[in-house]
Amino acid sequence: MTCSLQLMTVAQVSGMLNGATDMVALFTVQGKVSKIYSASLVYNSCSDNNCGGTVSQVIASNEWICKTCKRKWPNPKYVYNFLFDISDSASQTRLQCLGKIGDLLLGTAASEMAELQHRDNMEFGEKIAAAKNKAYVFKCNTRSDTFLGITRVIISVLDIHKVV
């Protein structure tokens, strides 16, 4: 049995989220990537695929230690975690990109983008610019997130398909 998800416009998604703080939804939306928030594009992740915790560098030993499993690694695994805006002819909304979706959207592995961000700002910027203004159908889900007592709804991308 297959489940067909409703294809929504960007305006419908934005309208659905207004005032919502505890909703859960699964839907698809079509839009063009209009902005990628690239200041914190990747995070340093534990190299253990079963963990995925954040790692911090220990300067004295030049190792990385996981905050979750406490294991040490010579290098972190870089994982995409960034926000980006999509738009259609009538509206705009913000989506969250995690993991492999970033590989598909940017066409580059997270480790390569992390290196470019520190080594070659021009090429990094070109890769970000190349991902903009491309149309996709995004399969998304929503979840509530509370930070500093403020609850907001986050739209996470589960899958993308380029519109031809």
Foldseek 3Di string as FASTA:
>chain_A
DDDDFEEDEQVVVVVVFVPDFADKDKHKYKFFFAFWPPPCFKFFFAPPPVGRAGWDADVVVCWIAGPPPRDIHNGTQIKTWTKTWTHDPPDIDIAIETGPQCCVQLVDHRVVLVVCVVPPVVVNVVSRVVSGGWMKIFTWIWGWDADPRDIGIHIYTPDIDTDD
